[in-house]
Amino acid sequence: VQDEGGAAFRELHVETAVVLEDAGETELAIELFLDANELLEALRIVAAVGEAMLADVPSDRLSSWLDRLPPDLRSGEPWPLLMEAQVACREADYGRALNRIGEAERLFRATADEAGLYETLSMRESALFWRGDTGAAMDACREALRHAGTDAQRIHSLLSLGSAAVE
């Protein structure tokens, strides 16, 4: 920063984040994009790796990422809403989680984002299942199955449906 200035330091963060993303180090890439105030780039990575990545990120890190986003971005973009939902589920606050999931679903439907919609419905199924509402979880699985875009998503939805049915 002293030698090259703040702009060069920020650019180094961005370049390093790109390299880390290419190497599969998505959490670190997100951190650097957030540090460089490249918020939409950070959210782009979250969207690219989806719900499965969010499930693996520790709650304190998710909360840290959310804290670095301005309120308008947190409420106006679907992925921050799903990040909040993930944290709420871990805190067993399923009402708040389902509220955030519903808001994200509305945004994904408005843009006809099938991949995002699948991720949202999958997250809804999980929240409903852990809340103990297996009938609604099964309905969410069926709807997710209609929006699944890959064989892996279809298998995941069918396994979740089977799990809810057994429960």
C-alpha atoms as a PDB file:
ATOM      1  CA  VAL A   1       0.000   0.000   0.000  1.00  0.00           C
ATOM      2  CA  GLN A   2       2.833   2.382   0.861  1.00  0.00           C
ATOM      3  CA  ASP A   3       4.765   1.650  -2.341  1.00  0.00           C
ATOM      4  CA  GLU A   4       1.980   1.234  -4.910  1.00  0.00           C
ATOM      5  CA  GLY A   5      -1.083   2.810  -3.321  1.00  0.00           C
ATOM      6  CA  GLY A   6      -4.501   1.551  -2.323  1.00  0.00           C
ATOM      7  CA  ALA A   7      -5.724   0.987  -5.878  1.00  0.00           C
ATOM      8  CA  ALA A   8      -2.810  -1.346  -6.657  1.00  0.00           C
ATOM      9  CA  PHE A   9      -3.398  -3.234  -3.410  1.00  0.00           C
ATOM     10  CA  ARG A  10      -7.082  -3.627  -4.295  1.00  0.00           C
ATOM     11  CA  GLU A  11      -6.158  -4.847  -7.783  1.00  0.00           C
ATOM     12  CA  LEU A  12      -3.804  -7.410  -6.231  1.00  0.00           C
ATOM     13  CA  HIS A  13      -6.730  -8.668  -4.127  1.00  0.00           C
ATOM     14  CA  VAL A  14      -8.868  -9.037  -7.256  1.00  0.00           C
ATOM     15  CA  GLU A  15      -6.144 -10.812  -9.245  1.00  0.00           C
ATOM     16  CA  THR A  16      -5.456 -13.161  -6.358  1.00  0.00           C
ATOM     17  CA  ALA A  17      -9.171 -13.869  -5.921  1.00  0.00           C
ATOM     18  CA  VAL A  18      -9.439 -14.858  -9.589  1.00  0.00           C
ATOM     19  CA  VAL A  19      -6.490 -17.242  -9.257  1.00  0.00           C
ATOM     20  CA  LEU A  20      -7.922 -18.746  -6.079  1.00  0.00           C
ATOM     21  CA  GLU A  21     -11.325 -19.225  -7.701  1.00  0.00           C
ATOM     22  CA  ASP A  22      -9.702 -20.961 -10.681  1.00  0.00           C
ATOM     23  CA  ALA A  23      -7.864 -23.229  -8.228  1.00  0.00           C
ATOM     24  CA  GLY A  24     -11.128 -24.166  -6.494  1.00  0.00           C
ATOM     25  CA  GLU A  25     -10.434 -22.149  -3.347  1.00  0.00           C
ATOM     26  CA  THR A  26     -13.825 -20.463  -3.466  1.00  0.00           C
ATOM     27  CA  GLU A  27     -14.073 -19.407   0.182  1.00  0.00           C
ATOM     28  CA  LEU A  28     -10.748 -17.600   0.028  1.00  0.00           C
ATOM     29  CA  ALA A  29     -11.674 -16.027  -3.313  1.00  0.00           C
ATOM     30  CA  ILE A  30     -14.920 -14.728  -1.822  1.00  0.00           C
ATOM     31  CA  GLU A  31     -12.996 -13.276   1.124  1.00  0.00           C
ATOM     32  CA  LEU A  32     -10.620 -11.405  -1.177  1.00  0.00           C
ATOM     33  CA  PHE A  33     -13.392 -10.107  -3.426  1.00  0.00           C
ATOM     34  CA  LEU A  34     -15.187  -8.809  -0.338  1.00  0.00           C
ATOM     35  CA  ASP A  35     -11.969  -7.223   0.923  1.00  0.00           C
ATOM     36  CA  ALA A  36     -11.576  -5.508  -2.469  1.00  0.00           C
ATOM     37  CA  ASN A  37     -15.198  -4.300  -2.271  1.00  0.00           C
ATOM     38  CA  GLU A  38     -16.060  -6.390  -5.337  1.00  0.00           C
ATOM     39  CA  LEU A  39     -19.310  -7.507  -3.754  1.00  0.00           C
ATOM     40  CA  LEU A  40     -21.046  -8.723  -6.902  1.00  0.00           C
ATOM     41  CA  GLU A  41     -18.006 -10.820  -7.821  1.00  0.00           C
ATOM     42  CA  ALA A  42     -18.164 -12.451  -4.397  1.00  0.00           C
ATOM     43  CA  LEU A  43     -21.876 -13.166  -4.880  1.00  0.00           C
ATOM     44  CA  ARG A  44     -21.197 -14.507  -8.377  1.00  0.00           C
ATOM     45  CA  ILE A  45     -18.964 -17.175  -6.838  1.00  0.00           C
ATOM     46  CA  VAL A  46     -21.564 -18.007  -4.195  1.00  0.00           C
ATOM     47  CA  ALA A  47     -24.132 -18.446  -6.976  1.00  0.00           C
ATOM     48  CA  ALA A  48     -21.750 -20.573  -9.031  1.00  0.00           C
ATOM     49  CA  VAL A  49     -21.084 -23.049  -6.236  1.00  0.00           C
ATOM     50  CA  GLY A  50     -24.588 -22.879  -4.780  1.00  0.00           C
ATOM     51  CA  GLU A  51     -26.235 -24.262  -1.708  1.00  0.00           C
ATOM     52  CA  ALA A  52     -23.803 -27.153  -1.306  1.00  0.00           C
ATOM     53  CA  MET A  53     -20.961 -24.718  -0.668  1.00  0.00           C
ATOM     54  CA  LEU A  54     -23.049 -22.659   1.741  1.00  0.00           C
ATOM     55  CA  ALA A  55     -23.766 -25.784   3.747  1.00  0.00           C
ATOM     56  CA  ASP A  56     -20.036 -26.321   4.240  1.00  0.00           C
ATOM     57  CA  VAL A  57     -19.066 -22.762   5.180  1.00  0.00           C
ATOM     58  CA  PRO A  58     -18.886 -22.180   8.945  1.00  0.00           C
ATOM     59  CA  SER A  59     -21.624 -19.932  10.343  1.00  0.00           C
ATOM     60  CA  ASP A  60     -19.202 -17.297  11.594  1.00  0.00           C
ATOM     61  CA  ARG A  61     -17.718 -16.957   8.108  1.00  0.00           C
ATOM     62  CA  LEU A  62     -21.164 -16.687   6.498  1.00  0.00           C
ATOM     63  CA  SER A  63     -22.103 -14.041   9.048  1.00  0.00           C
ATOM     64  CA  SER A  64     -18.868 -12.182   8.339  1.00  0.00           C
ATOM     65  CA  TRP A  65     -19.626 -12.171   4.626  1.00  0.00           C
ATOM     66  CA  LEU A  66     -23.142 -10.900   5.270  1.00  0.00           C
ATOM     67  CA  ASP A  67     -21.868  -8.169   7.577  1.00  0.00           C
ATOM     68  CA  ARG A  68     -19.739  -6.824   4.730  1.00  0.00           C
ATOM     69  CA  LEU A  69     -22.701  -6.433   2.378  1.00  0.00           C
ATOM     70  CA  PRO A  70     -24.752  -3.223   2.392  1.00  0.00           C
ATOM     71  CA  PRO A  71     -28.414  -3.586   3.435  1.00  0.00           C
ATOM     72  CA  ASP A  72     -29.770  -2.942  -0.071  1.00  0.00           C
ATOM     73  CA  LEU A  73     -27.650  -5.754  -1.501  1.00  0.00           C
ATOM     74  CA  ARG A  74     -28.564  -8.084   1.361  1.00  0.00           C
ATOM     75  CA  SER A  75     -32.274  -7.647   0.715  1.00  0.00           C
ATOM     76  CA  GLY A  76     -32.239  -7.093  -3.047  1.00  0.00           C
ATOM     77  CA  GLU A  77     -30.162 -10.065  -4.181  1.00  0.00           C
ATOM     78  CA  PRO A  78     -31.200 -13.695  -3.680  1.00  0.00           C
ATOM     79  CA  TRP A  79     -27.862 -15.203  -2.622  1.00  0.00           C
ATOM     80  CA  PRO A  80     -27.389 -13.052   0.483  1.00  0.00           C
ATOM     81  CA  LEU A  81     -30.937 -14.024   1.449  1.00  0.00           C
ATOM     82  CA  LEU A  82     -30.003 -17.693   1.091  1.00  0.00           C
ATOM     83  CA  MET A  83     -26.851 -17.097   3.119  1.00  0.00           C
ATOM     84  CA  GLU A  84     -29.012 -15.611   5.880  1.00  0.00           C
ATOM     85  CA  ALA A  85     -31.363 -18.575   5.586  1.00  0.00           C
ATOM     86  CA  GLN A  86     -28.447 -20.979   6.023  1.00  0.00           C
ATOM     87  CA  VAL A  87     -27.367 -19.210   9.213  1.00  0.00           C
ATOM     88  CA  ALA A  88     -30.960 -19.138  10.498  1.00  0.00           C
ATOM     89  CA  CYS A  89     -31.380 -22.888   9.890  1.00  0.00           C
ATOM     90  CA  ARG A  90     -28.246 -23.598  11.897  1.00  0.00           C
ATOM     91  CA  GLU A  91     -29.725 -21.537  14.723  1.00  0.00           C
ATOM     92  CA  ALA A  92     -32.966 -23.569  14.407  1.00  0.00           C
ATOM     93  CA  ASP A  93     -34.826 -20.357  13.485  1.00  0.00           C
ATOM     94  CA  TYR A  94     -36.777 -22.043  10.706  1.00  0.00           C
ATOM     95  CA  GLY A  95     -39.398 -19.313  10.464  1.00  0.00           C
ATOM     96  CA  ARG A  96     -36.751 -16.704   9.639  1.00  0.00           C
ATOM     97  CA  ALA A  97     -34.990 -19.140   7.315  1.00  0.00           C
ATOM     98  CA  LEU A  98     -38.171 -19.901   5.380  1.00  0.00           C
ATOM     99  CA  ASN A  99     -38.964 -16.192   5.157  1.00  0.00           C
ATOM    100  CA  ARG A 100     -35.555 -15.477   3.581  1.00  0.00           C
ATOM    101  CA  ILE A 101     -35.901 -18.494   1.296  1.00  0.00           C
ATOM    102  CA  GLY A 102     -39.287 -17.207   0.156  1.00  0.00           C
ATOM    103  CA  GLU A 103     -37.816 -13.785  -0.636  1.00  0.00           C
ATOM    104  CA  ALA A 104     -34.988 -15.398  -2.623  1.00  0.00           C
ATOM    105  CA  GLU A 105     -37.481 -17.594  -4.465  1.00  0.00           C
ATOM    106  CA  ARG A 106     -39.488 -14.516  -5.481  1.00  0.00           C
ATOM    107  CA  LEU A 107     -36.351 -12.875  -6.885  1.00  0.00           C
ATOM    108  CA  PHE A 108     -35.280 -15.999  -8.780  1.00  0.00           C
ATOM    109  CA  ARG A 109     -38.772 -16.425 -10.247  1.00  0.00           C
ATOM    110  CA  ALA A 110     -38.815 -12.771 -11.345  1.00  0.00           C
ATOM    111  CA  THR A 111     -35.643 -13.323 -13.362  1.00  0.00           C
ATOM    112  CA  ALA A 112     -36.565 -16.852 -14.512  1.00  0.00           C
ATOM    113  CA  ASP A 113     -33.329 -18.162 -12.964  1.00  0.00           C
ATOM    114  CA  GLU A 114     -33.965 -21.910 -13.001  1.00  0.00           C
ATOM    115  CA  ALA A 115     -30.623 -22.816 -11.410  1.00  0.00           C
ATOM    116  CA  GLY A 116     -31.170 -20.385  -8.552  1.00  0.00           C
ATOM    117  CA  LEU A 117     -34.740 -21.537  -8.153  1.00  0.00           C
ATOM    118  CA  TYR A 118     -33.615 -25.140  -7.829  1.00  0.00           C
ATOM    119  CA  GLU A 119     -31.084 -24.159  -5.159  1.00  0.00           C
ATOM    120  CA  THR A 120     -33.761 -22.229  -3.282  1.00  0.00           C
ATOM    121  CA  LEU A 121     -36.263 -25.079  -3.371  1.00  0.00           C
ATOM    122  CA  SER A 122     -33.591 -27.502  -2.218  1.00  0.00           C
ATOM    123  CA  MET A 123     -32.806 -25.227   0.703  1.00  0.00           C
ATOM    124  CA  ARG A 124     -36.533 -24.919   1.488  1.00  0.00           C
ATOM    125  CA  GLU A 125     -36.830 -28.699   1.589  1.00  0.00           C
ATOM    126  CA  SER A 126     -33.989 -28.903   4.066  1.00  0.00           C
ATOM    127  CA  ALA A 127     -35.428 -26.207   6.348  1.00  0.00           C
ATOM    128  CA  LEU A 128     -38.860 -27.826   6.301  1.00  0.00           C
ATOM    129  CA  PHE A 129     -37.397 -31.260   6.971  1.00  0.00           C
ATOM    130  CA  TRP A 130     -35.410 -30.086   9.987  1.00  0.00           C
ATOM    131  CA  ARG A 131     -38.411 -28.135  11.250  1.00  0.00           C
ATOM    132  CA  GLY A 132     -40.283 -31.453  11.240  1.00  0.00           C
ATOM    133  CA  ASP A 133     -42.732 -30.634   8.432  1.00  0.00           C
ATOM    134  CA  THR A 134     -42.007 -33.670   6.278  1.00  0.00           C
ATOM    135  CA  GLY A 135     -45.151 -33.315   4.137  1.00  0.00           C
ATOM    136  CA  ALA A 136     -44.164 -29.801   3.082  1.00  0.00           C
ATOM    137  CA  ALA A 137     -40.566 -30.985   2.654  1.00  0.00           C
ATOM    138  CA  MET A 138     -41.787 -33.654   0.239  1.00  0.00           C
ATOM    139  CA  ASP A 139     -43.739 -31.022  -1.713  1.00  0.00           C
ATOM    140  CA  ALA A 140     -40.591 -28.852  -1.912  1.00  0.00           C
ATOM    141  CA  CYS A 141     -38.627 -31.875  -3.189  1.00  0.00           C
ATOM    142  CA  ARG A 142     -41.196 -32.486  -5.910  1.00  0.00           C
ATOM    143  CA  GLU A 143     -41.042 -28.863  -6.989  1.00  0.00           C
ATOM    144  CA  ALA A 144     -37.235 -28.854  -6.866  1.00  0.00           C
ATOM    145  CA  LEU A 145     -37.259 -31.942  -9.057  1.00  0.00           C
ATOM    146  CA  ARG A 146     -39.235 -30.019 -11.702  1.00  0.00           C
ATOM    147  CA  HIS A 147     -36.516 -27.335 -11.727  1.00  0.00           C
ATOM    148  CA  ALA A 148     -33.486 -29.639 -11.499  1.00  0.00           C
ATOM    149  CA  GLY A 149     -31.105 -29.032 -14.363  1.00  0.00           C
ATOM    150  CA  THR A 150     -28.607 -31.840 -13.864  1.00  0.00           C
ATOM    151  CA  ASP A 151     -28.678 -35.527 -13.047  1.00  0.00           C
ATOM    152  CA  ALA A 152     -26.931 -34.776  -9.754  1.00  0.00           C
ATOM    153  CA  GLN A 153     -29.712 -32.341  -8.809  1.00  0.00           C
ATOM    154  CA  ARG A 154     -32.390 -34.851  -9.784  1.00  0.00           C
ATOM    155  CA  ILE A 155     -30.698 -37.580  -7.711  1.00  0.00           C
ATOM    156  CA  HIS A 156     -30.329 -35.188  -4.760  1.00  0.00           C
ATOM    157  CA  SER A 157     -34.016 -34.251  -4.954  1.00  0.00           C
ATOM    158  CA  LEU A 158     -35.118 -37.882  -5.211  1.00  0.00           C
ATOM    159  CA  LEU A 159     -32.955 -38.897  -2.261  1.00  0.00           C
ATOM    160  CA  SER A 160     -34.313 -35.981  -0.213  1.00  0.00           C
ATOM    161  CA  LEU A 161     -37.852 -36.942  -1.203  1.00  0.00           C
ATOM    162  CA  GLY A 162     -37.190 -40.532  -0.116  1.00  0.00           C
ATOM    163  CA  SER A 163     -35.680 -39.367   3.164  1.00  0.00           C
ATOM    164  CA  ALA A 164     -38.692 -37.163   3.939  1.00  0.00           C
ATOM    165  CA  ALA A 165     -41.070 -39.982   2.978  1.00  0.00           C
ATOM    166  CA  VAL A 166     -39.287 -42.442   5.274  1.00  0.00           C
ATOM    167  CA  GLU A 167     -39.373 -39.926   8.118  1.00  0.00           C
END
